[in-house]
């Protein structure tokens, strides 16, 4: 079976951790990501969804959100005390995008992209950018996320907020309660798996770039994302079933949330491109372990089913 993504297997020796919450490996991973993307500070968190939640907490704003997006993004915006205005952006998928702009800074959602010096290229000092380490993401792990910034005050608030609202110290009894916070810290196991995967991250991305180039050349697209390779078909459900019969797993990224009564609150959002694309767009396998033979097999089956 040719899988959509590759999830790595890890054996973690937990006996080497002084505890499973905040061992040194967490700080090591934070520094690794901060250095890689060119940010001064990085705060790890147990999921990218919670990074959205904390960054938007009680802002009481309306967020212009692409309709074709994972529902967890909409959930985090709403549960953190905000509203959503769905927009007809179908091109953001697989890239970073500005989640919201405030008067003096912006929040960049880069859950589907991780590149060297990315924060320096896309952000200013006061901005926030966050990443996801869900198993299927570019740098996959056992879930988790990271918030990066050059703004020390924002960084210190996030570090306390994810740690139950406490100041950090090696010993629990030395920590001071600053405000009612959240249990959202990244644990040592999450950090260790991500660090393990980071050792081969550049190699993985190089292979995925090669796969994208081959797909583009064979299928006539000009895609650039190294997370998702999306094409348009007449009926994505039928296409997925036909490909599965050839033992090829494809996916749909994503449905149009503005049509869901859970999110539209009875409002009518004008998103014609999203409504059209929701039944046409399908994601092909983006698996760094794909052999050239397997890749050609996928391409041949795609052409058969177009």
Protein backbone atom coordinates (compact mmCIF):
# COMPACT_ATOMS: atom_id res chain seq x y z
CA UNK A 1 0.00 0.00 0.00
CA UNK A 2 1.38 3.41 -1.01
CA UNK A 3 0.62 5.79 1.87
CA UNK A 4 -0.25 9.48 1.68
CA UNK A 5 2.37 10.31 4.33
CA UNK A 6 5.19 8.50 6.11
CA UNK A 7 5.06 8.32 9.91
CA UNK A 8 8.42 7.37 11.41
CA UNK A 9 8.83 4.72 14.09
CA UNK A 10 10.81 5.58 17.25
CA UNK A 11 12.02 3.76 20.33
CA UNK A 12 12.36 6.28 23.15
CA UNK A 13 14.26 5.42 26.33
CA UNK A 14 12.21 7.37 28.86
CA UNK A 15 14.53 6.34 31.71
CA UNK A 16 17.03 8.98 30.60
CA UNK A 17 14.58 11.79 31.31
CA UNK A 18 14.63 13.39 34.74
CA UNK A 19 10.87 13.73 34.26
CA UNK A 20 8.46 13.51 31.35
CA UNK A 21 7.37 17.14 31.47
CA UNK A 22 10.23 19.59 31.05
CA UNK A 23 13.50 17.77 30.63
CA UNK A 24 16.43 19.51 28.94
CA UNK A 25 15.43 17.97 25.62
CA UNK A 26 12.47 20.38 25.44
CA UNK A 27 14.72 23.42 25.74
CA UNK A 28 17.13 21.88 23.24
CA UNK A 29 14.33 21.44 20.73
CA UNK A 30 13.08 25.00 21.26
CA UNK A 31 16.55 26.37 20.56
CA UNK A 32 16.91 24.12 17.51
CA UNK A 33 13.74 25.47 15.92
CA UNK A 34 14.42 29.09 16.90
CA UNK A 35 17.89 28.92 15.32
CA UNK A 36 16.57 27.17 12.22
CA UNK A 37 13.83 29.69 11.43
CA UNK A 38 15.86 32.71 12.56
CA UNK A 39 13.89 33.75 15.64
CA UNK A 40 15.23 34.82 19.02
CA UNK A 41 12.72 32.91 21.13
CA UNK A 42 10.66 29.73 20.83
CA UNK A 43 7.98 28.38 23.15
CA UNK A 44 7.01 24.74 22.67
CA UNK A 45 3.40 23.68 23.17
CA UNK A 46 1.47 20.42 23.09
CA UNK A 47 -0.30 21.18 19.80
CA UNK A 48 -0.42 23.83 17.09
CA UNK A 49 -4.16 24.09 17.74
CA UNK A 50 -3.41 25.33 21.24
CA UNK A 51 -0.89 27.76 19.79
CA UNK A 52 -3.78 29.35 17.89
CA UNK A 53 -5.97 29.26 20.98
CA UNK A 54 -3.42 31.07 23.17
CA UNK A 55 -2.36 33.58 20.53
CA UNK A 56 -6.01 34.57 19.95
CA UNK A 57 -7.21 34.26 23.55
CA UNK A 58 -9.86 36.89 24.44
CA UNK A 59 -8.92 39.18 21.56
CA UNK A 60 -12.60 39.67 20.69
CA UNK A 61 -11.91 40.15 16.98
CA UNK A 62 -13.31 38.78 13.74
CA UNK A 63 -10.80 36.60 11.90
CA UNK A 64 -10.90 36.35 8.11
CA UNK A 65 -10.39 32.63 7.68
CA UNK A 66 -10.12 30.54 4.49
CA UNK A 67 -13.17 28.29 4.23
CA UNK A 68 -11.07 25.32 3.07
CA UNK A 69 -9.12 24.77 6.27
CA UNK A 70 -8.85 22.13 9.02
CA UNK A 71 -11.76 22.51 11.47
CA UNK A 72 -9.33 22.63 14.40
CA UNK A 73 -8.30 26.13 13.26
CA UNK A 74 -11.88 27.38 13.33
CA UNK A 75 -12.42 25.63 16.67
CA UNK A 76 -9.45 27.36 18.28
CA UNK A 77 -10.53 30.79 17.02
CA UNK A 78 -14.07 30.39 18.31
CA UNK A 79 -13.24 28.78 21.66
CA UNK A 80 -10.66 31.51 22.38
CA UNK A 81 -13.42 34.14 22.23
CA UNK A 82 -13.46 35.39 18.65
CA UNK A 83 -15.63 35.34 15.53
CA UNK A 84 -14.99 34.08 11.99
CA UNK A 85 -15.60 35.62 8.59
CA UNK A 86 -14.99 32.92 5.98
CA UNK A 87 -13.13 34.03 2.86
CA UNK A 88 -12.69 32.36 -0.52
CA UNK A 89 -8.93 31.66 -0.37
CA UNK A 90 -8.21 28.24 -1.92
CA UNK A 91 -4.49 28.77 -2.56
CA UNK A 92 -3.06 28.93 0.98
CA UNK A 93 -3.08 25.13 1.50
CA UNK A 94 0.39 23.72 2.10
CA UNK A 95 1.91 27.14 2.74
CA UNK A 96 2.00 29.69 5.56
CA UNK A 97 -0.59 32.45 5.75
CA UNK A 98 -1.43 35.43 7.96
CA UNK A 99 -4.04 34.25 10.45
CA UNK A 100 -4.70 37.76 11.76
CA UNK A 101 -3.22 41.25 11.74
CA UNK A 102 -3.41 43.42 14.82
CA UNK A 103 -2.39 47.08 14.88
CA UNK A 104 1.24 46.41 15.79
CA UNK A 105 1.87 42.73 14.94
CA UNK A 106 0.58 39.76 12.96
CA UNK A 107 0.14 36.05 13.62
CA UNK A 108 1.39 33.68 10.94
CA UNK A 109 0.04 30.14 10.76
CA UNK A 110 2.83 27.97 9.37
CA UNK A 111 1.52 24.60 10.51
CA UNK A 112 2.11 23.19 7.01
CA UNK A 113 5.51 24.71 6.29
CA UNK A 114 8.93 24.80 7.96
CA UNK A 115 11.88 26.41 6.18
CA UNK A 116 15.28 27.74 7.18
CA UNK A 117 15.23 31.44 8.18
CA UNK A 118 11.48 31.49 7.60
CA UNK A 119 10.69 33.81 10.50
CA UNK A 120 13.31 36.30 9.31
CA UNK A 121 11.84 36.24 5.80
CA UNK A 122 8.15 36.49 6.67
CA UNK A 123 7.93 38.28 10.01
CA UNK A 124 8.87 41.40 11.95
CA UNK A 125 10.21 41.54 15.50
CA UNK A 126 6.80 41.81 17.19
CA UNK A 127 5.14 39.07 15.12
CA UNK A 128 4.19 35.55 16.14
CA UNK A 129 4.67 32.49 13.94
CA UNK A 130 3.74 28.97 14.89
CA UNK A 131 4.51 25.50 13.57
CA UNK A 132 2.95 22.06 13.92
CA UNK A 133 4.68 18.76 14.61
CA UNK A 134 1.65 16.56 14.06
CA UNK A 135 2.89 13.20 12.67
CA UNK A 136 1.98 14.04 9.06
CA UNK A 137 3.50 17.54 9.02
CA UNK A 138 6.89 18.40 7.41
CA UNK A 139 8.69 17.90 10.73
CA UNK A 140 6.41 15.28 12.21
CA UNK A 141 6.47 13.99 15.76
CA UNK A 142 3.88 12.71 18.18
CA UNK A 143 2.00 16.02 17.90
CA UNK A 144 3.13 19.30 19.41
CA UNK A 145 3.77 22.82 18.20
CA UNK A 146 6.08 25.82 18.52
CA UNK A 147 5.48 29.56 18.81
CA UNK A 148 8.42 31.73 17.72
CA UNK A 149 9.00 35.48 18.00
CA UNK A 150 11.64 38.13 18.58
CA UNK A 151 9.39 39.81 21.16
CA UNK A 152 10.62 38.82 24.62
CA UNK A 153 7.50 39.93 26.49
CA UNK A 154 5.21 37.86 24.28
CA UNK A 155 7.57 34.92 24.60
CA UNK A 156 7.62 35.09 28.41
CA UNK A 157 3.83 35.22 28.56
CA UNK A 158 3.49 32.10 26.38
CA UNK A 159 6.10 30.24 28.43
CA UNK A 160 4.07 30.87 31.58
CA UNK A 161 0.68 30.35 29.94
CA UNK A 162 1.52 26.82 28.73
CA UNK A 163 2.94 25.94 32.16
CA UNK A 164 -0.26 26.43 34.16
CA UNK A 165 0.43 30.16 34.44
CA UNK A 166 3.67 29.61 36.37
CA UNK A 167 7.17 31.01 36.06
CA UNK A 168 9.72 28.42 34.97
CA UNK A 169 12.21 26.78 37.33
CA UNK A 170 13.88 23.37 37.30
CA UNK A 171 12.10 22.41 40.52
CA UNK A 172 8.31 22.54 40.81
CA UNK A 173 8.45 24.04 44.29
CA UNK A 174 10.51 26.98 43.03
CA UNK A 175 7.91 28.04 40.48
CA UNK A 176 5.72 31.06 41.15
CA UNK A 177 2.08 31.25 40.14
CA UNK A 178 1.66 34.35 37.96
CA UNK A 179 -1.89 33.88 36.64
CA UNK A 180 -4.38 31.09 35.95
CA UNK A 181 -2.81 29.37 32.95
CA UNK A 182 -3.13 26.19 30.93
CA UNK A 183 -1.64 22.71 30.88
CA UNK A 184 -0.33 22.99 27.34
CA UNK A 185 3.41 22.35 27.60
CA UNK A 186 5.30 20.02 25.28
CA UNK A 187 6.57 16.93 27.08
CA UNK A 188 9.98 15.34 26.74
CA UNK A 189 8.80 12.45 24.57
CA UNK A 190 7.29 14.84 22.02
CA UNK A 191 10.48 16.89 21.93
CA UNK A 192 12.77 13.88 21.60
CA UNK A 193 10.86 12.44 18.64
CA UNK A 194 10.94 15.81 16.87
CA UNK A 195 14.68 16.16 17.52
CA UNK A 196 15.25 12.67 16.14
CA UNK A 197 13.32 13.53 13.00
CA UNK A 198 15.09 16.87 12.63
CA UNK A 199 18.38 15.03 12.03
CA UNK A 200 17.08 13.89 8.64
CA UNK A 201 14.73 16.82 7.99
CA UNK A 202 16.77 18.45 5.22
CA UNK A 203 17.19 15.10 3.49
CA UNK A 204 13.44 14.49 3.71
CA UNK A 205 12.58 17.92 2.30
CA UNK A 206 15.05 17.47 -0.53
CA UNK A 207 13.36 14.23 -1.53
CA UNK A 208 9.90 15.81 -1.28
CA UNK A 209 11.05 18.70 -3.47
CA UNK A 210 12.21 16.14 -6.02
CA UNK A 211 8.82 14.39 -5.86
CA UNK A 212 7.02 17.71 -6.39
CA UNK A 213 9.17 18.43 -9.45
CA UNK A 214 8.44 15.00 -10.91
CA UNK A 215 4.70 15.37 -10.29
CA UNK A 216 4.77 18.84 -11.88
CA UNK A 217 6.59 17.58 -14.95
CA UNK A 218 4.32 14.57 -15.44
CA UNK A 219 0.97 16.12 -14.50
CA UNK A 220 1.38 19.68 -15.80
CA UNK A 221 1.09 21.55 -12.50
CA UNK A 222 3.30 24.23 -10.96
CA UNK A 223 2.86 23.27 -7.30
CA UNK A 224 5.48 24.28 -4.74
CA UNK A 225 4.27 22.98 -1.36
CA UNK A 226 6.40 20.23 0.14
CA UNK A 227 3.60 19.18 2.48
CA UNK A 228 0.63 18.53 0.17
CA UNK A 229 0.50 17.86 -3.55
CA UNK A 230 -3.02 18.74 -4.70
CA UNK A 231 -4.57 18.21 -8.12
CA UNK A 232 -8.06 18.79 -9.52
CA UNK A 233 -10.27 15.92 -10.65
CA UNK A 234 -13.93 15.71 -11.67
CA UNK A 235 -15.01 13.83 -8.53
CA UNK A 236 -12.51 13.53 -5.68
CA UNK A 237 -14.47 10.86 -3.81
CA UNK A 238 -14.63 8.63 -6.89
CA UNK A 239 -10.98 9.32 -7.65
CA UNK A 240 -9.91 8.35 -4.10
CA UNK A 241 -11.86 5.09 -4.27
CA UNK A 242 -10.37 4.21 -7.66
CA UNK A 243 -6.84 4.93 -6.45
CA UNK A 244 -7.41 2.91 -3.28
CA UNK A 245 -8.38 -0.08 -5.43
CA UNK A 246 -4.83 0.18 -6.80
CA UNK A 247 -3.48 0.35 -3.21
CA UNK A 248 -2.71 4.06 -3.39
CA UNK A 249 -3.94 6.24 -0.54
CA UNK A 250 -4.93 9.81 -1.44
CA UNK A 251 -6.62 12.48 0.67
CA UNK A 252 -8.88 15.54 0.59
CA UNK A 253 -7.53 18.85 1.95
CA UNK A 254 -10.02 20.32 2.87
CA UNK A 255 -13.80 20.66 3.00
CA UNK A 256 -15.51 24.08 2.88
CA UNK A 257 -16.34 24.99 6.47
CA UNK A 258 -18.57 27.93 5.55
CA UNK A 259 -21.22 25.40 4.45
CA UNK A 260 -21.28 23.67 7.83
CA UNK A 261 -24.02 24.83 10.20
CA UNK A 262 -21.65 24.29 13.12
CA UNK A 263 -19.56 27.21 11.88
CA UNK A 264 -21.71 29.47 9.70
CA UNK A 265 -24.25 30.30 12.44
CA UNK A 266 -26.92 30.70 9.78
CA UNK A 267 -24.88 33.22 7.81
CA UNK A 268 -24.39 33.04 4.06
CA UNK A 269 -20.72 33.41 3.09
CA UNK A 270 -19.85 34.01 -0.57
CA UNK A 271 -17.12 31.45 -1.28
CA UNK A 272 -17.83 30.08 -4.80
CA UNK A 273 -14.29 28.85 -5.43
CA UNK A 274 -14.28 26.90 -2.17
CA UNK A 275 -17.65 25.34 -2.98
CA UNK A 276 -16.38 24.25 -6.39
CA UNK A 277 -13.00 23.00 -5.23
CA UNK A 278 -14.28 20.98 -2.27
CA UNK A 279 -15.47 18.24 -4.64
CA UNK A 280 -12.55 18.47 -7.05
CA UNK A 281 -9.30 18.80 -5.11
CA UNK A 282 -7.43 15.69 -4.03
CA UNK A 283 -3.98 15.21 -2.46
CA UNK A 284 -1.53 12.67 -3.88
CA UNK A 285 1.02 10.71 -1.81
CA UNK A 286 3.80 12.99 -0.52
CA UNK A 287 5.97 10.37 1.08
CA UNK A 288 9.74 10.75 1.22
CA UNK A 289 10.08 6.95 1.22
CA UNK A 290 8.39 6.62 -2.18
CA UNK A 291 10.70 4.89 -4.63
CA UNK A 292 10.93 6.19 -8.18
CA UNK A 293 9.08 3.04 -9.26
CA UNK A 294 6.25 3.68 -6.79
CA UNK A 295 6.08 7.32 -7.82
CA UNK A 296 5.74 6.41 -11.47
CA UNK A 297 3.04 3.89 -10.55
CA UNK A 298 1.09 6.66 -8.78
CA UNK A 299 1.47 8.98 -11.77
CA UNK A 300 0.30 6.29 -14.20
CA UNK A 301 -2.77 5.55 -12.08
CA UNK A 302 -3.55 9.27 -11.78
CA UNK A 303 -3.52 9.61 -15.54
CA UNK A 304 -5.76 6.56 -15.89
CA UNK A 305 -8.34 8.06 -13.53
CA UNK A 306 -8.44 11.66 -14.73
